[in-house]
């Protein structure tokens, strides 16, 4: 048996293996290590497929009925290389943000859509091919004759054009699809055009049937650099939440960013304790979470909080374990410091409260604009409420830390240190347990950097405490 161009079935099969061989060469690398450069790899892969298909079209146009099988193999191999680069990334991009319980259904929908697209593409190419072949046929031509060969370049050119369109559209994908790792939040970067393309976290069925039980309050002031990521992470919760942003006269893009995400944007000052109090009192949720504008929530926080409060009627507050990320050496030192604090009750403070606990404790002390989180959490505990913790993490965006910036920030906080130390529930600053963990898990180089950073912060606190805040 021979095909219309005189090729044996064995030659056809061997040449056809070039495509899956190309896929095998790149797919494993892309799937395991390519998520860091998702957009670039999809663009590169579809561009390579465009080039491979265009090469096949030119080869068919030039060779005509003299087309031999072996010159086709390199172009098929190139198409396979491109597919191996692009397809695993596309699958990850489409279903990356789907909740775990919906992963099976999402995978089925993805496969169905790709199969439908493939069928439509083959049908369109087939129409072009057979239309050209019929138009070029002459009496006496048989199947697989020169008319059919002459129709191949047009059909292949259509395929090349489709891949080229895909290459252009790849700019809409997120740059980075990696899952969260230590020091790296799961939320997308605010300057990423594709950051919200696949943002389908919300459980819309629950949103339509029940009001949110959790109110999230975010105080802000000139927080444009971090606010987009923060609010996107709140909206990405697997349970619906009410989001209230309280702004204190920002002069940058903070207000516009807040209005794009929040259920309500309020104006209030002069400091964050007053902002938070207004926010929770204006909210409707029976549970209230306080998140700073430079923080990123993992998506399970709200759902875990609801379950824990439902399971324990005496629970009044929950700690969200806090980790950090940032740029530069000092931020890397801070990452290690924050990790050593996990589970240390002298450092951690509750961020999620039952509304009744807030009402009994009176909310935040508006006479404090530093140490106010410790103060509220400890007053809630003093009222007899239990304090628990969720497993999901909140990530603190440290940005780029400098010694001067650290000193100035702690000098500002130090103005409230005397007032806080006068409270009966004030905490000790000694942390032997955290220090032991830090020494055991940190390199000497990072320990030296952290010692320098803490010295600058201690100097700032001491300086600020000598000029206490006056009501």
Protein backbone atom coordinates (compact mmCIF):
# COMPACT_ATOMS: atom_id res chain seq x y z
CA UNK A 1 0.00 0.00 0.00
CA UNK A 2 1.21 3.49 -0.84
CA UNK A 3 -0.24 6.96 -0.25
CA UNK A 4 -0.95 9.49 -3.00
CA UNK A 5 2.58 10.93 -2.87
CA UNK A 6 4.14 7.50 -3.09
CA UNK A 7 4.96 7.23 0.61
CA UNK A 8 4.71 3.88 2.38
CA UNK A 9 2.77 3.64 5.68
CA UNK A 10 6.06 3.06 7.52
CA UNK A 11 7.52 6.32 6.23
CA UNK A 12 4.35 8.20 7.18
CA UNK A 13 4.46 6.77 10.70
CA UNK A 14 8.16 7.52 11.19
CA UNK A 15 7.80 11.08 9.95
CA UNK A 16 4.74 11.58 12.14
CA UNK A 17 6.76 10.63 15.23
CA UNK A 18 8.73 13.86 14.86
CA UNK A 19 5.87 15.91 16.36
CA UNK A 20 5.41 13.91 19.63
CA UNK A 21 9.19 13.66 19.92
CA UNK A 22 9.36 17.45 19.94
CA UNK A 23 6.61 17.64 22.56
CA UNK A 24 8.47 15.15 24.77
CA UNK A 25 11.66 17.23 24.59
CA UNK A 26 10.10 20.34 26.13
CA UNK A 27 6.90 19.35 27.97
CA UNK A 28 8.50 17.94 31.11
CA UNK A 29 10.80 20.91 31.53
CA UNK A 30 7.94 23.33 30.97
CA UNK A 31 5.57 21.61 33.37
CA UNK A 32 8.10 21.39 36.20
CA UNK A 33 10.16 24.53 35.86
CA UNK A 34 8.44 26.81 33.38
CA UNK A 35 5.74 28.36 35.59
CA UNK A 36 8.13 31.14 36.58
CA UNK A 37 8.11 32.46 32.99
CA UNK A 38 4.61 31.43 31.97
CA UNK A 39 3.82 34.26 29.59
CA UNK A 40 7.22 34.16 27.88
CA UNK A 41 7.11 30.40 27.36
CA UNK A 42 3.60 30.39 25.90
CA UNK A 43 4.60 33.21 23.56
CA UNK A 44 7.77 31.38 22.55
CA UNK A 45 5.95 28.08 22.08
CA UNK A 46 3.20 29.49 19.86
CA UNK A 47 5.80 31.45 17.88
CA UNK A 48 7.80 28.26 17.26
CA UNK A 49 4.59 26.50 16.17
CA UNK A 50 3.87 29.38 13.81
CA UNK A 51 7.33 29.06 12.29
CA UNK A 52 7.06 25.25 12.00
CA UNK A 53 3.66 25.37 10.31
CA UNK A 54 4.74 28.19 7.99
CA UNK A 55 7.84 26.14 7.07
CA UNK A 56 5.62 23.19 6.16
CA UNK A 57 3.47 25.46 3.99
CA UNK A 58 6.49 26.83 2.13
CA UNK A 59 7.93 23.33 1.70
CA UNK A 60 4.66 22.03 0.25
CA UNK A 61 4.37 25.00 -2.11
CA UNK A 62 7.94 24.61 -3.35
CA UNK A 63 8.08 20.81 -3.73
CA UNK A 64 4.59 20.11 -5.04
CA UNK A 65 4.17 16.44 -6.00
CA UNK A 66 7.89 15.95 -5.49
CA UNK A 67 7.42 16.39 -1.74
CA UNK A 68 9.51 13.81 0.13
CA UNK A 69 8.75 12.67 3.67
CA UNK A 70 12.08 13.32 5.40
CA UNK A 71 12.29 17.11 4.83
CA UNK A 72 8.95 17.37 6.64
CA UNK A 73 10.30 15.84 9.86
CA UNK A 74 12.29 18.89 11.10
CA UNK A 75 9.27 21.17 10.73
CA UNK A 76 7.01 18.70 12.55
CA UNK A 77 9.65 18.41 15.28
CA UNK A 78 9.67 22.22 15.61
CA UNK A 79 5.88 22.24 15.95
CA UNK A 80 6.18 19.63 18.69
CA UNK A 81 8.79 21.67 20.53
CA UNK A 82 6.46 24.66 20.47
CA UNK A 83 3.49 22.65 21.70
CA UNK A 84 5.56 21.24 24.57
CA UNK A 85 6.46 24.77 25.62
CA UNK A 86 2.95 26.22 25.43
CA UNK A 87 0.36 23.56 26.27
CA UNK A 88 1.35 22.64 29.87
CA UNK A 89 1.50 26.34 30.76
CA UNK A 90 -1.92 27.02 29.25
CA UNK A 91 -3.45 24.17 31.25
CA UNK A 92 -1.94 25.57 34.46
CA UNK A 93 -3.06 29.10 33.63
CA UNK A 94 -6.67 28.13 33.06
CA UNK A 95 -7.18 26.01 36.18
CA UNK A 96 -4.53 27.47 38.53
CA UNK A 97 -7.02 29.42 40.66
CA UNK A 98 -9.81 26.83 40.72
CA UNK A 99 -10.58 25.66 44.30
CA UNK A 100 -9.39 22.11 45.02
CA UNK A 101 -12.91 20.72 45.36
CA UNK A 102 -13.74 21.91 41.81
CA UNK A 103 -10.51 20.75 40.16
CA UNK A 104 -12.07 17.65 38.56
CA UNK A 105 -14.92 19.59 37.00
CA UNK A 106 -12.56 22.32 35.82
CA UNK A 107 -10.27 19.78 34.19
CA UNK A 108 -13.22 18.26 32.35
CA UNK A 109 -14.38 21.66 31.10
CA UNK A 110 -10.84 22.52 29.99
CA UNK A 111 -10.49 19.25 28.05
CA UNK A 112 -13.90 19.68 26.43
CA UNK A 113 -13.11 23.23 25.31
CA UNK A 114 -9.70 22.26 23.88
CA UNK A 115 -11.24 19.32 22.00
CA UNK A 116 -13.99 21.53 20.61
CA UNK A 117 -11.41 24.12 19.53
CA UNK A 118 -9.36 21.38 17.86
CA UNK A 119 -12.38 20.08 15.98
CA UNK A 120 -13.29 23.59 14.79
CA UNK A 121 -9.70 24.23 13.70
CA UNK A 122 -9.48 20.98 11.75
CA UNK A 123 -12.87 21.68 10.18
CA UNK A 124 -11.81 25.17 9.07
CA UNK A 125 -8.52 23.89 7.65
CA UNK A 126 -10.36 21.03 5.94
CA UNK A 127 -12.79 23.41 4.29
CA UNK A 128 -9.88 25.42 2.92
CA UNK A 129 -8.05 22.28 1.80
CA UNK A 130 -10.89 20.52 0.03
CA UNK A 131 -12.21 23.77 -1.41
CA UNK A 132 -8.82 24.49 -2.98
CA UNK A 133 -8.42 20.88 -4.12
CA UNK A 134 -11.84 20.84 -5.78
CA UNK A 135 -11.21 24.16 -7.50
CA UNK A 136 -7.85 22.99 -8.84
CA UNK A 137 -8.98 19.50 -9.90
CA UNK A 138 -9.04 18.51 -13.57
CA UNK A 139 -10.78 15.62 -15.32
CA UNK A 140 -8.86 12.46 -14.67
CA UNK A 141 -7.28 13.64 -11.40
CA UNK A 142 -7.57 11.09 -8.63
CA UNK A 143 -7.27 11.22 -4.87
CA UNK A 144 -3.91 12.43 -3.63
CA UNK A 145 -2.98 13.99 -6.99
CA UNK A 146 -1.41 17.36 -7.70
CA UNK A 147 -4.67 19.18 -6.93
CA UNK A 148 -4.58 17.87 -3.38
CA UNK A 149 -0.91 18.71 -2.99
CA UNK A 150 -1.53 22.19 -4.32
CA UNK A 151 -4.20 22.75 -1.66
CA UNK A 152 -1.82 21.96 1.20
CA UNK A 153 0.01 25.34 1.42
CA UNK A 154 -3.23 27.25 1.90
CA UNK A 155 -4.47 24.97 4.68
CA UNK A 156 -1.09 25.05 6.41
CA UNK A 157 -0.91 28.83 6.11
CA UNK A 158 -4.26 29.01 7.91
CA UNK A 159 -2.78 26.95 10.75
CA UNK A 160 0.27 29.20 10.91
CA UNK A 161 -1.98 32.27 11.13
CA UNK A 162 -3.96 30.70 14.00
CA UNK A 163 -0.77 30.00 15.94
CA UNK A 164 0.42 33.55 15.30
CA UNK A 165 -2.80 34.91 16.80
CA UNK A 166 -2.24 32.70 19.85
CA UNK A 167 1.29 34.09 20.18
CA UNK A 168 -0.06 37.64 20.22
CA UNK A 169 -2.76 36.78 22.78
CA UNK A 170 -0.18 35.21 25.09
CA UNK A 171 0.59 38.70 26.45
CA UNK A 172 -2.70 38.44 28.41
CA UNK A 173 -1.36 35.59 30.53
CA UNK A 174 0.18 36.10 33.98
CA UNK A 175 3.96 36.31 34.03
CA UNK A 176 4.33 33.83 36.89
CA UNK A 177 2.11 30.86 37.74
CA UNK A 178 4.19 29.34 40.49
CA UNK A 179 2.36 28.29 43.68
CA UNK A 180 3.15 30.14 46.86
CA UNK A 181 6.53 29.34 48.37
CA UNK A 182 8.25 30.61 51.52
CA UNK A 183 8.73 34.32 51.09
CA UNK A 184 6.45 34.48 48.09
CA UNK A 185 2.68 35.18 48.15
CA UNK A 186 0.17 33.43 46.00
CA UNK A 187 -1.56 36.58 44.84
CA UNK A 188 -0.63 38.03 41.42
CA UNK A 189 1.50 41.10 40.94
CA UNK A 190 -0.48 44.35 40.57
CA UNK A 191 1.42 45.38 37.43
CA UNK A 192 0.55 42.10 35.68
CA UNK A 193 -2.02 42.67 32.89
CA UNK A 194 -3.13 39.07 33.21
CA UNK A 195 -3.36 39.10 36.98
CA UNK A 196 -7.15 39.05 37.08
CA UNK A 197 -7.77 37.20 33.81
CA UNK A 198 -8.51 33.92 35.59
CA UNK A 199 -9.66 35.31 38.93
CA UNK A 200 -12.61 32.98 39.61
CA UNK A 201 -12.08 32.28 43.30
CA UNK A 202 -15.38 33.55 44.67
CA UNK A 203 -18.06 31.01 45.49
CA UNK A 204 -20.78 32.84 43.62
CA UNK A 205 -23.53 30.41 44.58
CA UNK A 206 -22.98 31.24 48.25
CA UNK A 207 -22.81 34.94 47.43
CA UNK A 208 -26.23 34.79 45.83
CA UNK A 209 -27.91 32.89 48.68
CA UNK A 210 -26.38 34.16 51.95
CA UNK A 211 -24.86 37.46 53.07
CA UNK A 212 -21.14 37.35 53.93
CA UNK A 213 -20.41 36.37 57.51
CA UNK A 214 -16.92 37.88 57.51
CA UNK A 215 -16.22 41.61 57.25
CA UNK A 216 -12.64 42.47 56.26
CA UNK A 217 -11.47 45.96 57.26
CA UNK A 218 -8.40 47.45 55.53
CA UNK A 219 -7.09 50.84 56.76
CA UNK A 220 -5.07 52.75 54.15
CA UNK A 221 -3.05 55.87 53.51
CA UNK A 222 -1.05 56.28 50.28
CA UNK A 223 -0.89 52.50 49.84
CA UNK A 224 -1.07 52.30 46.05
CA UNK A 225 2.08 50.15 45.76
CA UNK A 226 0.64 47.26 47.77
CA UNK A 227 -3.13 47.80 47.91
CA UNK A 228 -4.09 46.12 44.63
CA UNK A 229 -2.49 42.85 45.67
CA UNK A 230 -3.97 43.08 49.16
CA UNK A 231 -7.56 43.65 48.03
CA UNK A 232 -7.30 41.04 45.28
CA UNK A 233 -6.32 38.48 47.92
CA UNK A 234 -9.36 39.42 50.01
CA UNK A 235 -11.62 39.00 46.99
CA UNK A 236 -9.93 35.64 46.30
CA UNK A 237 -11.26 34.08 49.51
CA UNK A 238 -13.10 30.79 49.02
CA UNK A 239 -15.95 32.17 51.11
CA UNK A 240 -17.69 35.46 50.28
CA UNK A 241 -16.62 38.41 52.43
CA UNK A 242 -17.66 42.01 52.94
CA UNK A 243 -14.70 44.29 52.18
CA UNK A 244 -14.48 47.75 53.75
CA UNK A 245 -11.55 50.07 53.06
CA UNK A 246 -11.06 53.08 55.34
CA UNK A 247 -8.79 55.68 53.76
CA UNK A 248 -7.06 58.52 55.58
CA UNK A 249 -6.79 61.24 52.93
CA UNK A 250 -4.52 59.46 50.43
CA UNK A 251 -2.97 61.58 47.70
CA UNK A 252 -1.95 58.73 45.36
CA UNK A 253 -4.07 56.14 43.51
CA UNK A 254 -5.17 54.41 46.72
CA UNK A 255 -8.77 55.63 46.55
CA UNK A 256 -9.28 54.50 42.94
CA UNK A 257 -7.83 51.06 43.66
CA UNK A 258 -10.05 50.69 46.72
CA UNK A 259 -13.20 51.65 44.82
CA UNK A 260 -12.46 49.00 42.21
CA UNK A 261 -12.52 46.21 44.81
CA UNK A 262 -14.30 47.22 48.02
CA UNK A 263 -17.96 47.08 48.98
CA UNK A 264 -17.48 50.41 50.77
CA UNK A 265 -14.71 53.01 50.87
CA UNK A 266 -14.86 55.31 53.90
CA UNK A 267 -12.82 58.40 54.79
CA UNK A 268 -11.57 58.63 58.35
CA UNK A 269 -8.53 59.40 60.48
CA UNK A 270 -6.35 60.43 62.13
CA UNK A 271 -4.71 57.02 62.68
CA UNK A 272 -5.32 53.35 61.94
CA UNK A 273 -6.97 52.48 65.27
CA UNK A 274 -9.73 54.98 64.55
CA UNK A 275 -9.95 53.76 60.95
CA UNK A 276 -10.37 50.15 62.03
CA UNK A 277 -13.02 51.02 64.60
CA UNK A 278 -15.10 52.86 62.02
CA UNK A 279 -14.72 49.99 59.58
CA UNK A 280 -15.93 47.21 61.84
CA UNK A 281 -18.77 49.29 63.23
CA UNK A 282 -20.00 50.08 59.71
CA UNK A 283 -19.70 46.45 58.62
CA UNK A 284 -22.41 43.80 58.86
CA UNK A 285 -20.47 40.57 59.38
CA UNK A 286 -20.63 38.70 62.67
CA UNK A 287 -16.91 38.00 62.26
CA UNK A 288 -14.41 40.80 61.59
CA UNK A 289 -10.90 40.47 60.16
CA UNK A 290 -8.37 43.31 60.14
CA UNK A 291 -5.82 43.27 57.34
CA UNK A 292 -3.18 45.93 56.69
CA UNK A 293 -2.88 47.34 53.19
CA UNK A 294 0.58 45.79 52.70
CA UNK A 295 -0.60 42.27 53.45
CA UNK A 296 -1.74 39.37 51.26
CA UNK A 297 -4.21 36.77 52.54
CA UNK A 298 -4.08 33.14 51.54
CA UNK A 299 -7.47 32.12 50.07
CA UNK A 300 -8.63 29.82 52.87
CA UNK A 301 -8.56 32.29 55.77
CA UNK A 302 -12.25 33.26 55.77
CA UNK A 303 -13.49 29.69 55.39
CA UNK A 304 -11.24 28.44 58.21
CA UNK A 305 -12.37 31.28 60.47
CA UNK A 306 -16.05 30.47 59.94
CA UNK A 307 -15.48 26.79 60.70
CA UNK A 308 -13.45 27.45 63.86
CA UNK A 309 -15.90 29.98 65.31
CA UNK A 310 -18.82 27.65 64.54
CA UNK A 311 -17.06 24.78 66.33
CA UNK A 312 -16.33 26.74 69.55
CA UNK A 313 -18.88 29.18 70.97
CA UNK A 314 -16.35 30.46 73.50
CA UNK A 315 -13.83 31.46 70.85
CA UNK A 316 -13.50 35.23 70.54
CA UNK A 317 -10.42 35.76 68.37
CA UNK A 318 -8.13 34.04 65.88
CA UNK A 319 -4.48 34.56 65.02
CA UNK A 320 -3.49 34.47 61.35
CA UNK A 321 0.13 33.24 61.18
CA UNK A 322 2.23 35.97 59.55
CA UNK A 323 5.15 35.51 57.19
CA UNK A 324 6.85 38.10 55.03
CA UNK A 325 8.49 38.70 51.68
CA UNK A 326 10.41 41.59 50.17
CA UNK A 327 13.40 42.75 48.17
CA UNK A 328 17.04 42.82 49.19
CA UNK A 329 19.20 41.39 51.93
CA UNK A 330 17.50 43.05 54.91
CA UNK A 331 14.10 41.82 53.71
CA UNK A 332 15.57 38.30 53.56
CA UNK A 333 16.68 38.74 57.17
CA UNK A 334 13.15 39.82 58.11
CA UNK A 335 11.71 36.72 56.44
CA UNK A 336 13.75 34.57 58.81
CA UNK A 337 12.77 36.68 61.80
CA UNK A 338 9.05 36.38 61.05
CA UNK A 339 9.33 32.62 60.63
CA UNK A 340 10.89 32.31 64.10
CA UNK A 341 7.86 34.08 65.61
CA UNK A 342 5.31 31.50 64.41
CA UNK A 343 3.41 30.15 67.41
CA UNK A 344 5.01 32.58 69.88
CA UNK A 345 2.17 34.10 71.99
CA UNK A 346 4.39 37.00 73.07
CA UNK A 347 4.61 38.17 69.44
CA UNK A 348 1.52 37.04 67.57
CA UNK A 349 -1.72 38.99 67.84
CA UNK A 350 -5.24 38.04 66.79
CA UNK A 351 -6.57 39.60 63.58
CA UNK A 352 -10.03 37.99 63.35
CA UNK A 353 -12.64 38.62 66.04
CA UNK A 354 -16.17 37.69 66.86
CA UNK A 355 -18.20 40.90 66.73
CA UNK A 356 -19.51 40.38 70.25
CA UNK A 357 -15.92 40.17 71.52
CA UNK A 358 -15.06 43.46 69.83
CA UNK A 359 -18.12 45.11 71.32
CA UNK A 360 -17.33 43.89 74.83
CA UNK A 361 -13.68 44.98 74.60
CA UNK A 362 -14.62 48.33 73.03
CA UNK A 363 -12.60 47.87 69.86
CA UNK A 364 -9.17 49.35 69.31
CA UNK A 365 -7.83 51.91 71.77
CA UNK A 366 -7.70 55.07 69.69
CA UNK A 367 -5.06 56.45 72.02
CA UNK A 368 -2.62 53.94 70.53
CA UNK A 369 -1.35 53.93 66.95
CA UNK A 370 1.34 51.35 67.69
CA UNK A 371 1.11 48.15 69.75
CA UNK A 372 -2.66 48.52 69.32
CA UNK A 373 -2.99 45.02 67.87
CA UNK A 374 -1.38 43.43 70.95
CA UNK A 375 -3.50 45.62 73.21
CA UNK A 376 -6.84 44.64 71.63
CA UNK A 377 -6.04 40.94 71.41
CA UNK A 378 -5.01 40.84 75.06
CA UNK A 379 -8.07 42.79 76.22
CA UNK A 380 -10.34 40.36 74.35
CA UNK A 381 -8.60 37.46 76.08
CA UNK A 382 -8.97 39.25 79.43
CA UNK A 383 -12.73 39.37 78.83
CA UNK A 384 -12.76 35.57 79.00
CA UNK A 385 -12.83 34.77 75.28
CA UNK A 386 -10.71 31.98 73.84
CA UNK A 387 -8.03 32.73 71.25
CA UNK A 388 -7.27 30.25 68.45
CA UNK A 389 -5.46 30.31 65.12
CA UNK A 390 -6.09 29.44 61.51
CA UNK A 391 -3.68 27.36 59.45
CA UNK A 392 -3.61 29.67 56.43
CA UNK A 393 -1.07 32.48 56.39
CA UNK A 394 -1.07 36.23 55.84
CA UNK A 395 2.00 37.50 53.95
CA UNK A 396 3.48 40.89 54.83
CA UNK A 397 4.98 42.80 51.89
CA UNK A 398 8.10 44.36 53.40
CA UNK A 399 9.21 45.95 50.12
CA UNK A 400 12.85 47.02 50.24
CA UNK A 401 13.98 47.52 53.84
CA UNK A 402 16.67 50.07 54.67
CA UNK A 403 18.25 50.80 58.05
CA UNK A 404 17.18 54.42 57.84
CA UNK A 405 13.59 53.47 57.01
CA UNK A 406 13.48 50.89 59.81
CA UNK A 407 14.81 53.46 62.31
CA UNK A 408 12.29 56.11 61.28
CA UNK A 409 9.36 53.70 61.40
CA UNK A 410 10.23 52.48 64.89
CA UNK A 411 10.88 56.05 66.05
CA UNK A 412 7.30 56.84 65.06
CA UNK A 413 5.98 53.74 66.86
CA UNK A 414 8.07 54.63 69.89
CA UNK A 415 5.91 57.68 70.55
CA UNK A 416 3.19 55.30 71.83
CA UNK A 417 5.53 53.00 73.76
CA UNK A 418 5.16 54.76 77.15
CA UNK A 419 1.37 54.71 76.88
CA UNK A 420 1.35 51.03 75.96
CA UNK A 421 3.77 50.05 78.71
CA UNK A 422 1.41 51.68 81.22
CA UNK A 423 -1.41 49.25 80.29
CA UNK A 424 -1.95 46.36 82.75
CA UNK A 425 -1.99 43.90 79.84
CA UNK A 426 1.25 45.17 78.25
CA UNK A 427 3.51 42.41 76.95
CA UNK A 428 7.13 41.78 77.71
CA UNK A 429 9.58 42.30 74.86
CA UNK A 430 11.65 39.26 75.87
CA UNK A 431 11.33 36.39 73.37
CA UNK A 432 13.68 33.57 74.35
CA UNK A 433 11.79 30.87 72.45
CA UNK A 434 11.82 32.80 69.18
CA UNK A 435 15.48 33.64 69.65
CA UNK A 436 16.40 29.98 70.04
CA UNK A 437 14.52 29.05 66.87
CA UNK A 438 16.15 31.93 65.02
CA UNK A 439 19.67 30.91 66.06
CA UNK A 440 19.02 27.31 65.08
CA UNK A 441 17.61 28.01 61.63
CA UNK A 442 19.45 31.11 60.36
CA UNK A 443 22.82 31.48 58.68
CA UNK A 444 25.51 33.56 60.43
CA UNK A 445 25.37 36.06 57.56
CA UNK A 446 21.63 36.64 58.01
CA UNK A 447 22.00 36.72 61.79
CA UNK A 448 24.51 39.55 61.44
CA UNK A 449 22.17 41.46 59.13
CA UNK A 450 19.23 40.93 61.45
CA UNK A 451 21.26 42.10 64.46
CA UNK A 452 22.06 45.31 62.59
CA UNK A 453 18.41 45.77 61.64
CA UNK A 454 17.16 45.19 65.19
CA UNK A 455 19.74 47.62 66.55
CA UNK A 456 18.42 50.32 64.22
CA UNK A 457 14.84 49.55 65.26
CA UNK A 458 15.66 49.54 68.97
CA UNK A 459 17.36 52.92 68.59
CA UNK A 460 14.26 54.22 66.84
CA UNK A 461 11.92 52.98 69.59
CA UNK A 462 14.10 54.49 72.29
CA UNK A 463 14.30 57.85 70.51
CA UNK A 464 10.56 57.94 69.85
CA UNK A 465 9.67 57.02 73.42
CA UNK A 466 11.43 60.16 74.62
CA UNK A 467 8.91 62.25 72.69
CA UNK A 468 5.63 60.48 73.51
CA UNK A 469 2.44 61.15 71.61
CA UNK A 470 0.11 63.67 73.25
CA UNK A 471 -3.64 63.43 72.94
